[in-house]
Amino acid sequence: MKSYREIREVTSDTVTIPVPKELLHQKVEIILLPIDDSAEAAGLHERAQSWPAGFFDRFAGSLPNFPDIDFEGNYERRDSIE
């Protein structure tokens, strides 16, 4: 699924959105979210869109090495419900 994001300054009570050809004749969801213009909020918003720095290095290999599961045989044959 491909998404489209566009940030605009709202100057009236109407917003016109050009629809890409790939989305013509489809149902779409339109969400309007306010954006805080402060530098701190912009930094938090950008960081929320990706993994924290060093995340994979910190947690790589943290799961224990689970043993292989022994074969328990074939599934049993059951009677049909019908």
PDB file of N, CA and C in Angstrom:
ATOM      1  N   MET A   1       0.843  -1.169   0.000  1.00  0.00           N
ATOM      2  CA  MET A   1       0.000   0.000   0.000  1.00  0.00           C
ATOM      3  C   MET A   1       0.890   1.233   0.000  1.00  0.00           C
ATOM      4  N   LYS A   2       0.628   2.114  -0.890  1.00  0.00           N
ATOM      5  CA  LYS A   2       1.392   3.345  -0.989  1.00  0.00           C
ATOM      6  C   LYS A   2       0.594   4.472  -0.363  1.00  0.00           C
ATOM      7  N   SER A   3       1.260   5.317   0.378  1.00  0.00           N
ATOM      8  CA  SER A   3       0.567   6.454   0.987  1.00  0.00           C
ATOM      9  C   SER A   3       1.146   7.754   0.434  1.00  0.00           C
ATOM     10  N   TYR A   4       0.364   8.787   0.523  1.00  0.00           N
ATOM     11  CA  TYR A   4       0.774  10.106   0.056  1.00  0.00           C
ATOM     12  C   TYR A   4       0.641  11.084   1.212  1.00  0.00           C
ATOM     13  N   ARG A   5       1.655  11.897   1.389  1.00  0.00           N
ATOM     14  CA  ARG A   5       1.644  12.859   2.475  1.00  0.00           C
ATOM     15  C   ARG A   5       1.953  14.232   1.906  1.00  0.00           C
ATOM     16  N   GLU A   6       1.202  15.202   2.340  1.00  0.00           N
ATOM     17  CA  GLU A   6       1.409  16.555   1.860  1.00  0.00           C
ATOM     18  C   GLU A   6       1.157  17.510   3.017  1.00  0.00           C
ATOM     19  N   ILE A   7       2.075  18.442   3.239  1.00  0.00           N
ATOM     20  CA  ILE A   7       1.920  19.429   4.293  1.00  0.00           C
ATOM     21  C   ILE A   7       1.626  20.766   3.638  1.00  0.00           C
ATOM     22  N   ARG A   8       0.534  21.405   4.080  1.00  0.00           N
ATOM     23  CA  ARG A   8       0.123  22.686   3.505  1.00  0.00           C
ATOM     24  C   ARG A   8      -0.248  23.655   4.614  1.00  0.00           C
ATOM     25  N   GLU A   9      -0.168  24.911   4.293  1.00  0.00           N
ATOM     26  CA  GLU A   9      -0.660  25.967   5.179  1.00  0.00           C
ATOM     27  C   GLU A   9      -2.131  26.180   4.865  1.00  0.00           C
ATOM     28  N   VAL A  10      -2.988  26.069   5.858  1.00  0.00           N
ATOM     29  CA  VAL A  10      -4.422  26.255   5.655  1.00  0.00           C
ATOM     30  C   VAL A  10      -4.742  27.735   5.806  1.00  0.00           C
ATOM     31  N   THR A  11      -5.261  28.330   4.737  1.00  0.00           N
ATOM     32  CA  THR A  11      -5.559  29.764   4.753  1.00  0.00           C
ATOM     33  C   THR A  11      -7.053  30.055   4.601  1.00  0.00           C
ATOM     34  N   SER A  12      -7.858  29.011   4.423  1.00  0.00           N
ATOM     35  CA  SER A  12      -9.304  29.194   4.321  1.00  0.00           C
ATOM     36  C   SER A  12      -9.987  27.962   4.892  1.00  0.00           C
ATOM     37  N   ASP A  13     -11.303  27.932   4.833  1.00  0.00           N
ATOM     38  CA  ASP A  13     -12.029  26.787   5.373  1.00  0.00           C
ATOM     39  C   ASP A  13     -12.191  25.646   4.365  1.00  0.00           C
ATOM     40  N   THR A  14     -11.483  25.729   3.231  1.00  0.00           N
ATOM     41  CA  THR A  14     -11.539  24.698   2.204  1.00  0.00           C
ATOM     42  C   THR A  14     -10.126  24.307   1.787  1.00  0.00           C
ATOM     43  N   VAL A  15      -9.887  23.010   1.668  1.00  0.00           N
ATOM     44  CA  VAL A  15      -8.603  22.502   1.191  1.00  0.00           C
ATOM     45  C   VAL A  15      -8.877  21.640  -0.032  1.00  0.00           C
ATOM     46  N   THR A  16      -8.175  21.901  -1.129  1.00  0.00           N
ATOM     47  CA  THR A  16      -8.307  21.107  -2.343  1.00  0.00           C
ATOM     48  C   THR A  16      -7.105  20.177  -2.443  1.00  0.00           C
ATOM     49  N   ILE A  17      -7.369  18.902  -2.640  1.00  0.00           N
ATOM     50  CA  ILE A  17      -6.303  17.903  -2.680  1.00  0.00           C
ATOM     51  C   ILE A  17      -6.271  17.265  -4.060  1.00  0.00           C
ATOM     52  N   PRO A  18      -5.155  17.394  -4.792  1.00  0.00           N
ATOM     53  CA  PRO A  18      -5.051  16.676  -6.066  1.00  0.00           C
ATOM     54  C   PRO A  18      -4.897  15.175  -5.793  1.00  0.00           C
ATOM     55  N   VAL A  19      -5.662  14.371  -6.486  1.00  0.00           N
ATOM     56  CA  VAL A  19      -5.642  12.926  -6.266  1.00  0.00           C
ATOM     57  C   VAL A  19      -4.749  12.260  -7.305  1.00  0.00           C
ATOM     58  N   PRO A  20      -3.747  11.465  -6.883  1.00  0.00           N
ATOM     59  CA  PRO A  20      -2.899  10.754  -7.836  1.00  0.00           C
ATOM     60  C   PRO A  20      -3.722   9.760  -8.662  1.00  0.00           C
ATOM     61  N   LYS A  21      -3.292   9.502  -9.871  1.00  0.00           N
ATOM     62  CA  LYS A  21      -4.022   8.605 -10.779  1.00  0.00           C
ATOM     63  C   LYS A  21      -4.190   7.207 -10.196  1.00  0.00           C
ATOM     64  N   GLU A  22      -3.211   6.752  -9.394  1.00  0.00           N
ATOM     65  CA  GLU A  22      -3.295   5.404  -8.816  1.00  0.00           C
ATOM     66  C   GLU A  22      -4.475   5.259  -7.859  1.00  0.00           C
ATOM     67  N   LEU A  23      -4.970   6.377  -7.327  1.00  0.00           N
ATOM     68  CA  LEU A  23      -6.052   6.311  -6.349  1.00  0.00           C
ATOM     69  C   LEU A  23      -7.426   6.644  -6.925  1.00  0.00           C
ATOM     70  N   LEU A  24      -7.481   6.958  -8.202  1.00  0.00           N
ATOM     71  CA  LEU A  24      -8.765   7.268  -8.814  1.00  0.00           C
ATOM     72  C   LEU A  24      -9.694   6.062  -8.734  1.00  0.00           C
ATOM     73  N   HIS A  25     -10.967   6.309  -8.474  1.00  0.00           N
ATOM     74  CA  HIS A  25     -12.016   5.294  -8.408  1.00  0.00           C
ATOM     75  C   HIS A  25     -11.780   4.287  -7.287  1.00  0.00           C
ATOM     76  N   GLN A  26     -11.181   4.750  -6.178  1.00  0.00           N
ATOM     77  CA  GLN A  26     -10.972   3.910  -5.003  1.00  0.00           C
ATOM     78  C   GLN A  26     -11.471   4.658  -3.779  1.00  0.00           C
ATOM     79  N   LYS A  27     -11.751   3.916  -2.721  1.00  0.00           N
ATOM     80  CA  LYS A  27     -12.063   4.553  -1.452  1.00  0.00           C
ATOM     81  C   LYS A  27     -10.748   4.961  -0.805  1.00  0.00           C
ATOM     82  N   VAL A  28     -10.692   6.168  -0.259  1.00  0.00           N
ATOM     83  CA  VAL A  28      -9.494   6.649   0.433  1.00  0.00           C
ATOM     84  C   VAL A  28      -9.899   7.241   1.775  1.00  0.00           C
ATOM     85  N   GLU A  29      -8.955   7.317   2.668  1.00  0.00           N
ATOM     86  CA  GLU A  29      -9.164   7.940   3.968  1.00  0.00           C
ATOM     87  C   GLU A  29      -8.374   9.236   3.998  1.00  0.00           C
ATOM     88  N   ILE A  30      -9.015  10.305   4.393  1.00  0.00           N
ATOM     89  CA  ILE A  30      -8.356  11.605   4.467  1.00  0.00           C
ATOM     90  C   ILE A  30      -8.342  12.027   5.929  1.00  0.00           C
ATOM     91  N   ILE A  31      -7.162  12.325   6.441  1.00  0.00           N
ATOM     92  CA  ILE A  31      -6.995  12.716   7.838  1.00  0.00           C
ATOM     93  C   ILE A  31      -6.314  14.070   7.883  1.00  0.00           C
ATOM     94  N   LEU A  32      -6.866  14.996   8.648  1.00  0.00           N
ATOM     95  CA  LEU A  32      -6.249  16.302   8.844  1.00  0.00           C
ATOM     96  C   LEU A  32      -5.691  16.357  10.254  1.00  0.00           C
ATOM     97  N   LEU A  33      -4.383  16.579  10.372  1.00  0.00           N
ATOM     98  CA  LEU A  33      -3.732  16.668  11.667  1.00  0.00           C
ATOM     99  C   LEU A  33      -2.981  17.986  11.760  1.00  0.00           C
ATOM    100  N   PRO A  34      -3.138  18.716  12.853  1.00  0.00           N
ATOM    101  CA  PRO A  34      -2.355  19.942  13.000  1.00  0.00           C
ATOM    102  C   PRO A  34      -0.894  19.609  13.289  1.00  0.00           C
ATOM    103  N   ILE A  35       0.017  20.448  12.803  1.00  0.00           N
ATOM    104  CA  ILE A  35       1.447  20.266  13.036  1.00  0.00           C
ATOM    105  C   ILE A  35       1.941  21.441  13.862  1.00  0.00           C
ATOM    106  N   ASP A  36       2.623  21.127  14.956  1.00  0.00           N
ATOM    107  CA  ASP A  36       3.214  22.163  15.791  1.00  0.00           C
ATOM    108  C   ASP A  36       4.503  22.618  15.130  1.00  0.00           C
ATOM    109  N   ASP A  37       4.679  23.919  14.914  1.00  0.00           N
ATOM    110  CA  ASP A  37       5.834  24.435  14.182  1.00  0.00           C
ATOM    111  C   ASP A  37       7.093  24.602  15.024  1.00  0.00           C
ATOM    112  N   SER A  38       7.042  24.341  16.312  1.00  0.00           N
ATOM    113  CA  SER A  38       8.242  24.536  17.130  1.00  0.00           C
ATOM    114  C   SER A  38       9.326  23.540  16.730  1.00  0.00           C
ATOM    115  N   ALA A  39      10.570  23.931  16.883  1.00  0.00           N
ATOM    116  CA  ALA A  39      11.701  23.082  16.478  1.00  0.00           C
ATOM    117  C   ALA A  39      11.722  21.784  17.270  1.00  0.00           C
ATOM    118  N   GLU A  40      11.378  21.845  18.534  1.00  0.00           N
ATOM    119  CA  GLU A  40      11.386  20.642  19.366  1.00  0.00           C
ATOM    120  C   GLU A  40      10.352  19.642  18.878  1.00  0.00           C
ATOM    121  N   ALA A  41       9.142  20.091  18.587  1.00  0.00           N
ATOM    122  CA  ALA A  41       8.093  19.200  18.102  1.00  0.00           C
ATOM    123  C   ALA A  41       8.461  18.617  16.742  1.00  0.00           C
ATOM    124  N   ALA A  42       9.100  19.409  15.895  1.00  0.00           N
ATOM    125  CA  ALA A  42       9.511  18.910  14.578  1.00  0.00           C
ATOM    126  C   ALA A  42      10.523  17.787  14.738  1.00  0.00           C
ATOM    127  N   GLY A  43      11.449  17.931  15.670  1.00  0.00           N
ATOM    128  CA  GLY A  43      12.434  16.885  15.919  1.00  0.00           C
ATOM    129  C   GLY A  43      11.796  15.621  16.446  1.00  0.00           C
ATOM    130  N   LEU A  44      10.836  15.745  17.349  1.00  0.00           N
ATOM    131  CA  LEU A  44      10.140  14.579  17.880  1.00  0.00           C
ATOM    132  C   LEU A  44       9.344  13.883  16.787  1.00  0.00           C
ATOM    133  N   HIS A  45       8.711  14.670  15.919  1.00  0.00           N
ATOM    134  CA  HIS A  45       7.925  14.084  14.830  1.00  0.00           C
ATOM    135  C   HIS A  45       8.826  13.293  13.889  1.00  0.00           C
ATOM    136  N   GLU A  46       9.971  13.833  13.543  1.00  0.00           N
ATOM    137  CA  GLU A  46      10.896  13.130  12.640  1.00  0.00           C
ATOM    138  C   GLU A  46      11.418  11.858  13.282  1.00  0.00           C
ATOM    139  N   ARG A  47      11.767  11.908  14.565  1.00  0.00           N
ATOM    140  CA  ARG A  47      12.280  10.718  15.250  1.00  0.00           C
ATOM    141  C   ARG A  47      11.209   9.650  15.380  1.00  0.00           C
ATOM    142  N   ALA A  48       9.956  10.048  15.491  1.00  0.00           N
ATOM    143  CA  ALA A  48       8.876   9.073  15.624  1.00  0.00           C
ATOM    144  C   ALA A  48       8.674   8.284  14.342  1.00  0.00           C
ATOM    145  N   GLN A  49       9.186   8.765  13.217  1.00  0.00           N
ATOM    146  CA  GLN A  49       9.006   8.096  11.939  1.00  0.00           C
ATOM    147  C   GLN A  49      10.071   7.038  11.658  1.00  0.00           C
ATOM    148  N   SER A  50      11.080   6.899  12.528  1.00  0.00           N
ATOM    149  CA  SER A  50      12.147   5.943  12.278  1.00  0.00           C
ATOM    150  C   SER A  50      12.597   5.299  13.587  1.00  0.00           C
ATOM    151  N   TRP A  51      13.447   4.288  13.470  1.00  0.00           N
ATOM    152  CA  TRP A  51      13.980   3.616  14.659  1.00  0.00           C
ATOM    153  C   TRP A  51      14.983   4.528  15.349  1.00  0.00           C
ATOM    154  N   PRO A  52      15.072   4.477  16.669  1.00  0.00           N
ATOM    155  CA  PRO A  52      16.065   5.286  17.384  1.00  0.00           C
ATOM    156  C   PRO A  52      17.482   4.880  16.969  1.00  0.00           C
ATOM    157  N   ALA A  53      18.394   5.828  17.046  1.00  0.00           N
ATOM    158  CA  ALA A  53      19.794   5.548  16.675  1.00  0.00           C
ATOM    159  C   ALA A  53      20.342   4.422  17.554  1.00  0.00           C
ATOM    160  N   GLY A  54      20.991   3.436  16.957  1.00  0.00           N
ATOM    161  CA  GLY A  54      21.605   2.331  17.683  1.00  0.00           C
ATOM    162  C   GLY A  54      20.634   1.274  18.171  1.00  0.00           C
ATOM    163  N   PHE A  55      19.371   1.358  17.773  1.00  0.00           N
ATOM    164  CA  PHE A  55      18.363   0.407  18.271  1.00  0.00           C
ATOM    165  C   PHE A  55      18.740  -1.036  17.945  1.00  0.00           C
ATOM    166  N   PHE A  56      19.065  -1.301  16.697  1.00  0.00           N
ATOM    167  CA  PHE A  56      19.355  -2.677  16.297  1.00  0.00           C
ATOM    168  C   PHE A  56      20.668  -3.168  16.882  1.00  0.00           C
ATOM    169  N   ASP A  57      21.663  -2.302  17.003  1.00  0.00           N
ATOM    170  CA  ASP A  57      22.925  -2.695  17.620  1.00  0.00           C
ATOM    171  C   ASP A  57      22.716  -3.063  19.084  1.00  0.00           C
ATOM    172  N   ARG A  58      21.830  -2.354  19.736  1.00  0.00           N
ATOM    173  CA  ARG A  58      21.593  -2.583  21.160  1.00  0.00           C
ATOM    174  C   ARG A  58      20.866  -3.903  21.412  1.00  0.00           C
ATOM    175  N   PHE A  59      19.912  -4.252  20.543  1.00  0.00           N
ATOM    176  CA  PHE A  59      19.077  -5.420  20.803  1.00  0.00           C
ATOM    177  C   PHE A  59      19.405  -6.637  19.944  1.00  0.00           C
ATOM    178  N   ALA A  60      20.320  -6.517  19.009  1.00  0.00           N
ATOM    179  CA  ALA A  60      20.660  -7.661  18.157  1.00  0.00           C
ATOM    180  C   ALA A  60      21.218  -8.792  19.022  1.00  0.00           C
ATOM    181  N   GLY A  61      20.703  -9.988  18.847  1.00  0.00           N
ATOM    182  CA  GLY A  61      21.177 -11.149  19.592  1.00  0.00           C
ATOM    183  C   GLY A  61      20.657 -11.223  21.013  1.00  0.00           C
ATOM    184  N   SER A  62      19.684 -10.418  21.381  1.00  0.00           N
ATOM    185  CA  SER A  62      19.212 -10.423  22.765  1.00  0.00           C
ATOM    186  C   SER A  62      18.262 -11.581  23.071  1.00  0.00           C
ATOM    187  N   LEU A  63      17.701 -12.202  22.043  1.00  0.00           N
ATOM    188  CA  LEU A  63      16.856 -13.370  22.288  1.00  0.00           C
ATOM    189  C   LEU A  63      17.733 -14.585  22.540  1.00  0.00           C
ATOM    190  N   PRO A  64      17.320 -15.443  23.466  1.00  0.00           N
ATOM    191  CA  PRO A  64      18.123 -16.648  23.714  1.00  0.00           C
ATOM    192  C   PRO A  64      18.061 -17.590  22.510  1.00  0.00           C
ATOM    193  N   ASN A  65      19.015 -18.480  22.420  1.00  0.00           N
ATOM    194  CA  ASN A  65      19.041 -19.457  21.341  1.00  0.00           C
ATOM    195  C   ASN A  65      18.138 -20.612  21.740  1.00  0.00           C
ATOM    196  N   PHE A  66      16.889 -20.593  21.281  1.00  0.00           N
ATOM    197  CA  PHE A  66      15.936 -21.624  21.650  1.00  0.00           C
ATOM    198  C   PHE A  66      16.307 -22.945  20.982  1.00  0.00           C
ATOM    199  N   PRO A  67      16.123 -24.065  21.701  1.00  0.00           N
ATOM    200  CA  PRO A  67      16.445 -25.372  21.095  1.00  0.00           C
ATOM    201  C   PRO A  67      15.423 -25.716  20.012  1.00  0.00           C
ATOM    202  N   ASP A  68      15.832 -26.567  19.083  1.00  0.00           N
ATOM    203  CA  ASP A  68      14.916 -27.030  18.048  1.00  0.00           C
ATOM    204  C   ASP A  68      13.829 -27.887  18.690  1.00  0.00           C
ATOM    205  N   ILE A  69      12.635 -27.859  18.119  1.00  0.00           N
ATOM    206  CA  ILE A  69      11.520 -28.642  18.636  1.00  0.00           C
ATOM    207  C   ILE A  69      11.526 -30.003  17.958  1.00  0.00           C
ATOM    208  N   ASP A  70      11.384 -31.063  18.764  1.00  0.00           N
ATOM    209  CA  ASP A  70      11.365 -32.420  18.228  1.00  0.00           C
ATOM    210  C   ASP A  70      10.069 -32.664  17.459  1.00  0.00           C
ATOM    211  N   PHE A  71      10.151 -33.518  16.432  1.00  0.00           N
ATOM    212  CA  PHE A  71       8.991 -33.881  15.634  1.00  0.00           C
ATOM    213  C   PHE A  71       8.031 -34.684  16.504  1.00  0.00           C
ATOM    214  N   GLU A  72       6.753 -34.325  16.499  1.00  0.00           N
ATOM    215  CA  GLU A  72       5.770 -34.980  17.352  1.00  0.00           C
ATOM    216  C   GLU A  72       4.844 -35.906  16.572  1.00  0.00           C
ATOM    217  N   GLY A  73       5.174 -36.198  15.340  1.00  0.00           N
ATOM    218  CA  GLY A  73       4.359 -37.102  14.552  1.00  0.00           C
ATOM    219  C   GLY A  73       3.403 -36.341  13.651  1.00  0.00           C
ATOM    220  N   ASN A  74       2.698 -37.099  12.816  1.00  0.00           N
ATOM    221  CA  ASN A  74       1.739 -36.499  11.889  1.00  0.00           C
ATOM    222  C   ASN A  74       0.465 -36.109  12.619  1.00  0.00           C
ATOM    223  N   TYR A  75      -0.306 -35.226  12.004  1.00  0.00           N
ATOM    224  CA  TYR A  75      -1.589 -34.828  12.563  1.00  0.00           C
ATOM    225  C   TYR A  75      -2.529 -36.021  12.565  1.00  0.00           C
ATOM    226  N   GLU A  76      -3.375 -36.086  13.599  1.00  0.00           N
ATOM    227  CA  GLU A  76      -4.357 -37.172  13.641  1.00  0.00           C
ATOM    228  C   GLU A  76      -5.493 -36.880  12.671  1.00  0.00           C
ATOM    229  N   ARG A  77      -6.063 -37.929  12.138  1.00  0.00           N
ATOM    230  CA  ARG A  77      -7.173 -37.773  11.198  1.00  0.00           C
ATOM    231  C   ARG A  77      -8.441 -37.654  12.013  1.00  0.00           C
ATOM    232  N   ARG A  78      -9.259 -36.650  11.689  1.00  0.00           N
ATOM    233  CA  ARG A  78     -10.493 -36.420  12.430  1.00  0.00           C
ATOM    234  C   ARG A  78     -11.704 -36.634  11.541  1.00  0.00           C
ATOM    235  N   ASP A  79     -12.832 -36.924  12.188  1.00  0.00           N
ATOM    236  CA  ASP A  79     -14.080 -37.115  11.434  1.00  0.00           C
ATOM    237  C   ASP A  79     -14.552 -35.780  10.890  1.00  0.00           C
ATOM    238  N   SER A  80     -15.208 -35.819   9.764  1.00  0.00           N
ATOM    239  CA  SER A  80     -15.754 -34.620   9.144  1.00  0.00           C
ATOM    240  C   SER A  80     -16.964 -34.128   9.944  1.00  0.00           C
ATOM    241  N   ILE A  81     -17.170 -32.846  10.022  1.00  0.00           N
ATOM    242  CA  ILE A  81     -18.297 -32.261  10.742  1.00  0.00           C
ATOM    243  C   ILE A  81     -19.594 -32.508   9.992  1.00  0.00           C
ATOM    244  N   GLU A  82     -19.538 -32.532   8.693  1.00  0.00           N
ATOM    245  CA  GLU A  82     -20.763 -32.693   7.890  1.00  0.00           C
ATOM    246  C   GLU A  82     -21.275 -34.093   7.891  1.00  0.00           C
TER     247      GLU A  82
END
